[in-house]
Amino acid sequence: MLVIHDFGDDDLLVAPVTSQAARIAADVAVSDWQGARLKLPSVVRVEKLATVAKSCVARKLGALPTGDLARVGETLTTVFKQIPG
């Protein structure tokens, strides 16, 4: 999972990271998956956000390159603009 935001309380906003191929436009392929210390080519599923308790996170395994983080942010912006209201 990729931590999207830490609001400073007991929870984290996260997006799943999977080795499955991208399925929709909101899936962001990790360009430098080896540099991010992932075992396989991976995709961030931006449309599958979740909240998890910090106590469920055992440790940090890696970090996305700056360019991939920027693309995740841009995709989040696009996804949220599509929500009516």
Protein backbone atom coordinates (compact mmCIF):
# COMPACT_ATOMS: atom_id res chain seq x y z
CA MET A 1 0.00 0.00 0.00
CA LEU A 2 1.03 3.56 -0.67
CA VAL A 3 0.43 6.13 2.06
CA ILE A 4 -1.39 9.00 0.35
CA HIS A 5 -1.77 11.18 3.43
CA ASP A 6 -1.14 11.17 7.18
CA PHE A 7 -3.66 13.49 8.81
CA GLY A 8 -1.81 13.31 12.13
CA ASP A 9 -4.33 11.11 13.93
CA ASP A 10 -4.39 7.31 14.30
CA ASP A 11 -5.26 6.62 10.64
CA LEU A 12 -3.62 6.80 7.22
CA LEU A 13 -5.19 7.33 3.81
CA VAL A 14 -3.73 4.66 1.52
CA ALA A 15 -3.96 3.29 -2.01
CA PRO A 16 -3.20 -0.33 -2.85
CA VAL A 17 -0.13 -1.24 -4.87
CA THR A 18 -0.41 -4.37 -7.00
CA SER A 19 1.61 -6.31 -9.53
CA GLN A 20 -1.53 -6.78 -11.64
CA ALA A 21 -1.69 -4.86 -14.92
CA ALA A 22 -3.36 -1.46 -15.06
CA ARG A 23 -7.08 -1.80 -15.75
CA ILE A 24 -8.39 1.75 -15.84
CA ALA A 25 -7.08 5.28 -16.42
CA ALA A 26 -6.82 5.88 -12.66
CA ASP A 27 -4.23 3.11 -12.28
CA VAL A 28 -0.74 4.61 -12.13
CA ALA A 29 2.12 2.38 -13.27
CA VAL A 30 5.27 2.72 -11.16
CA SER A 31 7.98 3.65 -13.64
CA ASP A 32 10.98 2.78 -11.45
CA TRP A 33 9.58 -0.14 -9.47
CA GLN A 34 13.03 -1.49 -8.66
CA GLY A 35 14.16 1.91 -7.37
CA ALA A 36 11.01 1.96 -5.24
CA ARG A 37 12.19 -1.39 -3.80
CA LEU A 38 9.20 -3.31 -5.15
CA LYS A 39 9.65 -6.95 -6.14
CA LEU A 40 7.70 -6.74 -9.42
CA PRO A 41 6.46 -4.12 -11.89
CA SER A 42 3.58 -2.48 -10.02
CA VAL A 43 0.55 -0.25 -10.30
CA VAL A 44 -1.01 2.13 -7.74
CA ARG A 45 -4.79 1.71 -7.75
CA VAL A 46 -5.77 5.32 -7.07
CA GLU A 47 -9.51 4.60 -7.31
CA LYS A 48 -9.32 2.14 -4.37
CA LEU A 49 -8.48 4.53 -1.52
CA ALA A 50 -8.91 3.26 2.02
CA THR A 51 -8.30 4.35 5.57
CA VAL A 52 -6.21 2.07 7.76
CA ALA A 53 -5.08 2.33 11.34
CA LYS A 54 -1.42 3.24 11.71
CA SER A 55 -1.09 0.30 14.08
CA CYS A 56 -1.73 -2.01 11.08
CA VAL A 57 1.39 -0.74 9.29
CA ALA A 58 4.42 -2.74 10.33
CA ARG A 59 7.17 -0.83 8.50
CA LYS A 60 8.11 1.22 5.47
CA LEU A 61 9.27 -0.98 2.61
CA GLY A 62 10.23 1.61 0.01
CA ALA A 63 9.35 4.93 -1.58
CA LEU A 64 8.01 5.95 -4.97
CA PRO A 65 10.19 8.17 -7.15
CA THR A 66 9.18 11.84 -7.26
CA GLY A 67 7.76 11.57 -10.79
CA ASP A 68 5.52 8.65 -9.86
CA LEU A 69 4.31 10.47 -6.74
CA ALA A 70 3.45 13.48 -8.89
CA ARG A 71 1.46 11.28 -11.29
CA VAL A 72 -0.42 9.73 -8.36
CA GLY A 73 -1.25 13.25 -7.13
CA GLU A 74 -2.42 14.36 -10.58
CA THR A 75 -4.56 11.24 -10.91
CA LEU A 76 -6.08 11.83 -7.47
CA THR A 77 -7.00 15.36 -8.53
CA THR A 78 -8.65 14.05 -11.70
CA VAL A 79 -10.57 11.36 -9.79
CA PHE A 80 -11.87 13.80 -7.18
CA LYS A 81 -12.97 16.30 -9.85
CA GLN A 82 -15.25 13.57 -11.23
CA ILE A 83 -17.16 13.27 -7.94
CA PRO A 84 -20.42 15.24 -8.14
CA GLY A 85 -21.14 17.77 -5.48
